[in-house]
Amino acid sequence: MADTQQVDPKAERKAARLAQQISSFSKAHGGAEGQVAYLGERGARIVLVGEDGNWGDLVAPSFEIAEKAVEKSGVTRHESFDGEFAAKVKTGRYEWSRMAGIQVGGPKNG
């Protein structure tokens, strides 16, 4: 008897939509790589870094949907956001002002 897994059509559609967004980001930025981070009950965050250093993220309702979306999109998936992968990110004034920039020497807010 074959092992049949129940396929949730709603989850499949969500993964396909996320994969399309990931593919669009990749195309707009000369390619991309990603990492999936568990967010608890909220789901999972897909962090994308383009070959040009631009980055963005998407939130999926579950870790499984996030993994499936990254797989469908064809971008390289990293297990962690560190090393050479993290070094590809280019940050500017906006990021410094939004991400603890005050504490670590970024521009002052206000």
N, C-alpha and C. Protein backbone atom coordinates (compact mmCIF):
# COMPACT_ATOMS: atom_id res chain seq x y z
N MET A 1 0.84 -1.18 0.00
CA MET A 1 0.00 0.00 0.00
C MET A 1 0.88 1.24 0.00
N ALA A 2 0.65 2.16 -0.88
CA ALA A 2 1.47 3.37 -1.03
C ALA A 2 1.17 4.35 0.10
N ASP A 3 2.22 5.04 0.52
CA ASP A 3 2.08 6.07 1.54
C ASP A 3 1.55 7.33 0.87
N THR A 4 0.33 7.70 1.19
CA THR A 4 -0.26 8.89 0.59
C THR A 4 -0.33 10.00 1.63
N GLN A 5 0.26 11.12 1.27
CA GLN A 5 0.25 12.28 2.15
C GLN A 5 -0.90 13.17 1.74
N GLN A 6 -1.59 13.68 2.73
CA GLN A 6 -2.68 14.61 2.47
C GLN A 6 -2.09 15.93 2.01
N VAL A 7 -2.53 16.46 0.89
CA VAL A 7 -2.05 17.73 0.37
C VAL A 7 -3.10 18.79 0.66
N ASP A 8 -2.67 19.84 1.34
CA ASP A 8 -3.56 20.95 1.67
C ASP A 8 -3.52 21.94 0.51
N PRO A 9 -4.61 22.06 -0.26
CA PRO A 9 -4.60 22.94 -1.42
C PRO A 9 -4.31 24.40 -1.06
N LYS A 10 -4.80 24.85 0.07
CA LYS A 10 -4.56 26.23 0.50
C LYS A 10 -3.07 26.46 0.77
N ALA A 11 -2.42 25.50 1.43
CA ALA A 11 -0.99 25.60 1.72
C ALA A 11 -0.19 25.55 0.42
N GLU A 12 -0.62 24.71 -0.52
CA GLU A 12 0.06 24.63 -1.82
C GLU A 12 -0.03 25.96 -2.57
N ARG A 13 -1.19 26.58 -2.54
CA ARG A 13 -1.37 27.87 -3.22
C ARG A 13 -0.51 28.95 -2.56
N LYS A 14 -0.46 28.95 -1.23
CA LYS A 14 0.35 29.94 -0.52
C LYS A 14 1.83 29.74 -0.85
N ALA A 15 2.30 28.50 -0.86
CA ALA A 15 3.70 28.21 -1.20
C ALA A 15 4.00 28.66 -2.63
N ALA A 16 3.06 28.44 -3.55
CA ALA A 16 3.26 28.83 -4.95
C ALA A 16 3.33 30.36 -5.06
N ARG A 17 2.48 31.08 -4.32
CA ARG A 17 2.51 32.55 -4.35
C ARG A 17 3.82 33.08 -3.79
N LEU A 18 4.26 32.51 -2.67
CA LEU A 18 5.53 32.93 -2.08
C LEU A 18 6.70 32.62 -3.02
N ALA A 19 6.66 31.46 -3.67
CA ALA A 19 7.72 31.09 -4.60
C ALA A 19 7.78 32.08 -5.76
N GLN A 20 6.62 32.56 -6.22
CA GLN A 20 6.59 33.54 -7.30
C GLN A 20 7.21 34.86 -6.83
N GLN A 21 6.92 35.27 -5.59
CA GLN A 21 7.50 36.50 -5.04
C GLN A 21 9.02 36.36 -4.89
N ILE A 22 9.45 35.20 -4.43
CA ILE A 22 10.89 34.94 -4.28
C ILE A 22 11.56 34.99 -5.65
N SER A 23 10.96 34.35 -6.65
CA SER A 23 11.52 34.35 -8.00
C SER A 23 11.59 35.76 -8.57
N SER A 24 10.57 36.57 -8.32
CA SER A 24 10.56 37.96 -8.80
C SER A 24 11.68 38.76 -8.15
N PHE A 25 11.87 38.57 -6.84
CA PHE A 25 12.96 39.25 -6.14
C PHE A 25 14.29 38.83 -6.74
N SER A 26 14.46 37.55 -6.94
CA SER A 26 15.71 37.02 -7.49
C SER A 26 15.99 37.62 -8.88
N LYS A 27 14.97 37.66 -9.72
CA LYS A 27 15.13 38.20 -11.06
C LYS A 27 15.50 39.69 -11.01
N ALA A 28 14.89 40.44 -10.10
CA ALA A 28 15.13 41.88 -9.99
C ALA A 28 16.51 42.21 -9.43
N HIS A 29 17.14 41.25 -8.75
CA HIS A 29 18.41 41.53 -8.06
C HIS A 29 19.56 40.65 -8.54
N GLY A 30 19.46 40.16 -9.77
CA GLY A 30 20.56 39.40 -10.36
C GLY A 30 20.80 38.04 -9.73
N GLY A 31 19.76 37.47 -9.15
CA GLY A 31 19.85 36.20 -8.43
C GLY A 31 19.67 36.45 -6.95
N ALA A 32 19.43 35.40 -6.21
CA ALA A 32 19.22 35.56 -4.77
C ALA A 32 19.49 34.25 -4.04
N GLU A 33 19.71 34.39 -2.75
CA GLU A 33 19.85 33.26 -1.85
C GLU A 33 18.94 33.52 -0.67
N GLY A 34 18.57 32.49 0.06
CA GLY A 34 17.63 32.68 1.16
C GLY A 34 17.93 31.83 2.37
N GLN A 35 17.23 32.17 3.44
CA GLN A 35 17.32 31.42 4.69
C GLN A 35 15.94 31.46 5.33
N VAL A 36 15.52 30.35 5.92
CA VAL A 36 14.21 30.26 6.57
C VAL A 36 14.43 30.21 8.07
N ALA A 37 13.74 31.10 8.78
CA ALA A 37 13.85 31.17 10.25
C ALA A 37 12.48 30.95 10.88
N TYR A 38 12.42 30.08 11.85
CA TYR A 38 11.18 29.76 12.56
C TYR A 38 10.77 30.94 13.43
N LEU A 39 9.50 31.35 13.34
CA LEU A 39 8.98 32.47 14.13
C LEU A 39 8.00 32.04 15.21
N GLY A 40 7.93 30.76 15.50
CA GLY A 40 6.97 30.28 16.48
C GLY A 40 5.60 30.13 15.84
N GLU A 41 4.56 30.45 16.60
CA GLU A 41 3.19 30.28 16.10
C GLU A 41 2.89 31.15 14.88
N ARG A 42 3.63 32.24 14.71
CA ARG A 42 3.42 33.13 13.55
C ARG A 42 3.82 32.49 12.24
N GLY A 43 4.70 31.51 12.27
CA GLY A 43 5.13 30.86 11.04
C GLY A 43 6.63 30.90 10.88
N ALA A 44 7.08 31.36 9.70
CA ALA A 44 8.50 31.38 9.39
C ALA A 44 8.82 32.59 8.51
N ARG A 45 10.00 33.13 8.71
CA ARG A 45 10.47 34.26 7.90
C ARG A 45 11.45 33.74 6.86
N ILE A 46 11.24 34.17 5.62
CA ILE A 46 12.15 33.85 4.53
C ILE A 46 12.96 35.12 4.27
N VAL A 47 14.25 35.07 4.59
CA VAL A 47 15.12 36.22 4.35
C VAL A 47 15.82 35.99 3.03
N LEU A 48 15.76 36.99 2.15
CA LEU A 48 16.36 36.89 0.83
C LEU A 48 17.46 37.93 0.68
N VAL A 49 18.56 37.54 0.07
CA VAL A 49 19.65 38.46 -0.23
C VAL A 49 19.95 38.33 -1.72
N GLY A 50 19.82 39.46 -2.42
CA GLY A 50 20.10 39.48 -3.85
C GLY A 50 21.59 39.54 -4.12
N GLU A 51 21.97 39.17 -5.32
CA GLU A 51 23.38 39.24 -5.71
C GLU A 51 23.91 40.67 -5.68
N ASP A 52 23.01 41.65 -5.77
CA ASP A 52 23.42 43.05 -5.72
C ASP A 52 23.50 43.59 -4.29
N GLY A 53 23.24 42.73 -3.29
CA GLY A 53 23.34 43.13 -1.89
C GLY A 53 22.03 43.61 -1.28
N ASN A 54 21.01 43.85 -2.10
CA ASN A 54 19.70 44.22 -1.56
C ASN A 54 19.08 43.01 -0.89
N TRP A 55 18.28 43.28 0.11
CA TRP A 55 17.67 42.17 0.84
C TRP A 55 16.22 42.49 1.16
N GLY A 56 15.50 41.46 1.50
CA GLY A 56 14.10 41.59 1.88
C GLY A 56 13.66 40.32 2.57
N ASP A 57 12.44 40.35 3.06
CA ASP A 57 11.94 39.14 3.70
C ASP A 57 10.45 38.98 3.46
N LEU A 58 10.00 37.76 3.62
CA LEU A 58 8.60 37.39 3.50
C LEU A 58 8.26 36.54 4.72
N VAL A 59 7.00 36.54 5.12
CA VAL A 59 6.58 35.68 6.22
C VAL A 59 5.58 34.65 5.68
N ALA A 60 5.85 33.40 5.99
CA ALA A 60 4.98 32.30 5.61
C ALA A 60 4.22 31.83 6.85
N PRO A 61 3.02 31.29 6.67
CA PRO A 61 2.23 30.84 7.84
C PRO A 61 2.81 29.63 8.56
N SER A 62 3.73 28.91 7.93
CA SER A 62 4.37 27.77 8.60
C SER A 62 5.77 27.57 8.03
N PHE A 63 6.60 26.88 8.82
CA PHE A 63 7.96 26.57 8.38
C PHE A 63 7.93 25.68 7.13
N GLU A 64 6.99 24.74 7.10
CA GLU A 64 6.89 23.82 5.97
C GLU A 64 6.54 24.55 4.68
N ILE A 65 5.61 25.51 4.76
CA ILE A 65 5.24 26.28 3.57
C ILE A 65 6.43 27.13 3.12
N ALA A 66 7.15 27.72 4.06
CA ALA A 66 8.33 28.52 3.71
C ALA A 66 9.37 27.65 3.00
N GLU A 67 9.65 26.47 3.53
CA GLU A 67 10.62 25.57 2.90
C GLU A 67 10.19 25.20 1.48
N LYS A 68 8.91 24.88 1.33
CA LYS A 68 8.38 24.49 0.03
C LYS A 68 8.50 25.65 -0.96
N ALA A 69 8.20 26.88 -0.51
CA ALA A 69 8.28 28.05 -1.38
C ALA A 69 9.70 28.29 -1.87
N VAL A 70 10.66 28.19 -0.95
CA VAL A 70 12.07 28.39 -1.33
C VAL A 70 12.49 27.30 -2.31
N GLU A 71 12.08 26.07 -2.05
CA GLU A 71 12.42 24.97 -2.95
C GLU A 71 11.83 25.20 -4.34
N LYS A 72 10.56 25.59 -4.41
CA LYS A 72 9.89 25.83 -5.69
C LYS A 72 10.55 26.98 -6.46
N SER A 73 11.04 27.98 -5.74
CA SER A 73 11.62 29.16 -6.40
C SER A 73 12.98 28.85 -7.02
N GLY A 74 13.67 27.85 -6.49
CA GLY A 74 14.96 27.46 -7.03
C GLY A 74 16.15 28.25 -6.47
N VAL A 75 15.93 29.15 -5.50
CA VAL A 75 17.07 29.87 -4.93
C VAL A 75 17.82 28.98 -3.95
N THR A 76 19.09 29.26 -3.75
CA THR A 76 19.90 28.52 -2.79
C THR A 76 19.42 28.82 -1.39
N ARG A 77 19.23 27.79 -0.58
CA ARG A 77 18.79 27.97 0.79
C ARG A 77 19.94 27.69 1.75
N HIS A 78 20.16 28.64 2.66
CA HIS A 78 21.18 28.48 3.69
C HIS A 78 20.51 28.06 5.00
N GLU A 79 21.23 27.30 5.80
CA GLU A 79 20.70 26.86 7.09
C GLU A 79 20.74 27.97 8.14
N SER A 80 21.69 28.90 8.00
CA SER A 80 21.79 29.99 8.97
C SER A 80 22.17 31.28 8.24
N PHE A 81 21.94 32.38 8.92
CA PHE A 81 22.22 33.69 8.34
C PHE A 81 23.55 34.19 8.90
N ASP A 82 24.64 33.65 8.37
CA ASP A 82 25.96 34.04 8.85
C ASP A 82 26.99 33.85 7.74
N GLY A 83 28.24 34.15 8.06
CA GLY A 83 29.34 33.92 7.14
C GLY A 83 29.21 34.71 5.85
N GLU A 84 29.61 34.07 4.75
CA GLU A 84 29.61 34.71 3.43
C GLU A 84 28.21 35.16 3.03
N PHE A 85 27.20 34.39 3.41
CA PHE A 85 25.82 34.75 3.06
C PHE A 85 25.44 36.09 3.70
N ALA A 86 25.66 36.23 4.98
CA ALA A 86 25.33 37.48 5.67
C ALA A 86 26.18 38.64 5.18
N ALA A 87 27.41 38.35 4.80
CA ALA A 87 28.33 39.40 4.33
C ALA A 87 27.88 40.01 3.00
N LYS A 88 26.99 39.34 2.27
CA LYS A 88 26.50 39.86 0.99
C LYS A 88 25.53 41.03 1.17
N VAL A 89 24.95 41.16 2.36
CA VAL A 89 23.96 42.20 2.61
C VAL A 89 24.60 43.58 2.62
N LYS A 90 24.04 44.49 1.86
CA LYS A 90 24.48 45.88 1.87
C LYS A 90 23.45 46.67 2.67
N THR A 91 23.93 47.40 3.67
CA THR A 91 23.03 48.23 4.46
C THR A 91 23.34 49.69 4.23
N GLY A 92 22.34 50.50 4.41
CA GLY A 92 22.49 51.94 4.23
C GLY A 92 21.95 52.68 5.43
N ARG A 93 21.78 53.95 5.27
CA ARG A 93 21.31 54.83 6.34
C ARG A 93 19.97 54.35 6.91
N TYR A 94 19.07 53.94 6.04
CA TYR A 94 17.76 53.48 6.51
C TYR A 94 17.89 52.32 7.49
N GLU A 95 18.67 51.31 7.12
CA GLU A 95 18.82 50.15 7.99
C GLU A 95 19.44 50.53 9.32
N TRP A 96 20.46 51.38 9.29
CA TRP A 96 21.09 51.79 10.54
C TRP A 96 20.09 52.53 11.43
N SER A 97 19.24 53.33 10.83
CA SER A 97 18.29 54.09 11.64
C SER A 97 17.16 53.21 12.16
N ARG A 98 16.89 52.09 11.52
CA ARG A 98 15.80 51.21 11.92
C ARG A 98 16.25 50.05 12.82
N MET A 99 17.51 49.64 12.75
CA MET A 99 17.96 48.44 13.47
C MET A 99 19.01 48.78 14.50
N ALA A 100 18.60 49.28 15.63
CA ALA A 100 19.50 49.54 16.76
C ALA A 100 20.66 50.45 16.39
N GLY A 101 20.51 51.27 15.38
CA GLY A 101 21.57 52.16 14.95
C GLY A 101 21.99 53.14 16.03
N ILE A 102 21.06 53.55 16.85
CA ILE A 102 21.38 54.51 17.91
C ILE A 102 22.41 53.92 18.87
N GLN A 103 22.25 52.64 19.21
CA GLN A 103 23.13 52.01 20.17
C GLN A 103 24.52 51.70 19.61
N VAL A 104 24.64 51.50 18.32
CA VAL A 104 25.93 51.06 17.77
C VAL A 104 26.55 52.09 16.82
N GLY A 105 26.16 53.32 16.95
CA GLY A 105 26.85 54.38 16.20
C GLY A 105 26.24 54.78 14.88
N GLY A 106 25.05 54.34 14.58
CA GLY A 106 24.39 54.76 13.34
C GLY A 106 23.83 56.16 13.48
N PRO A 107 23.22 56.67 12.42
CA PRO A 107 22.66 58.02 12.49
C PRO A 107 21.56 58.12 13.54
N LYS A 108 21.42 59.27 14.13
CA LYS A 108 20.40 59.47 15.16
C LYS A 108 19.01 59.57 14.52
N ASN A 109 18.02 59.02 15.17
CA ASN A 109 16.64 59.16 14.71
C ASN A 109 16.12 60.49 15.20
N GLY A 110 15.61 61.29 14.28
CA GLY A 110 14.98 62.54 14.68
C GLY A 110 15.82 63.66 14.52
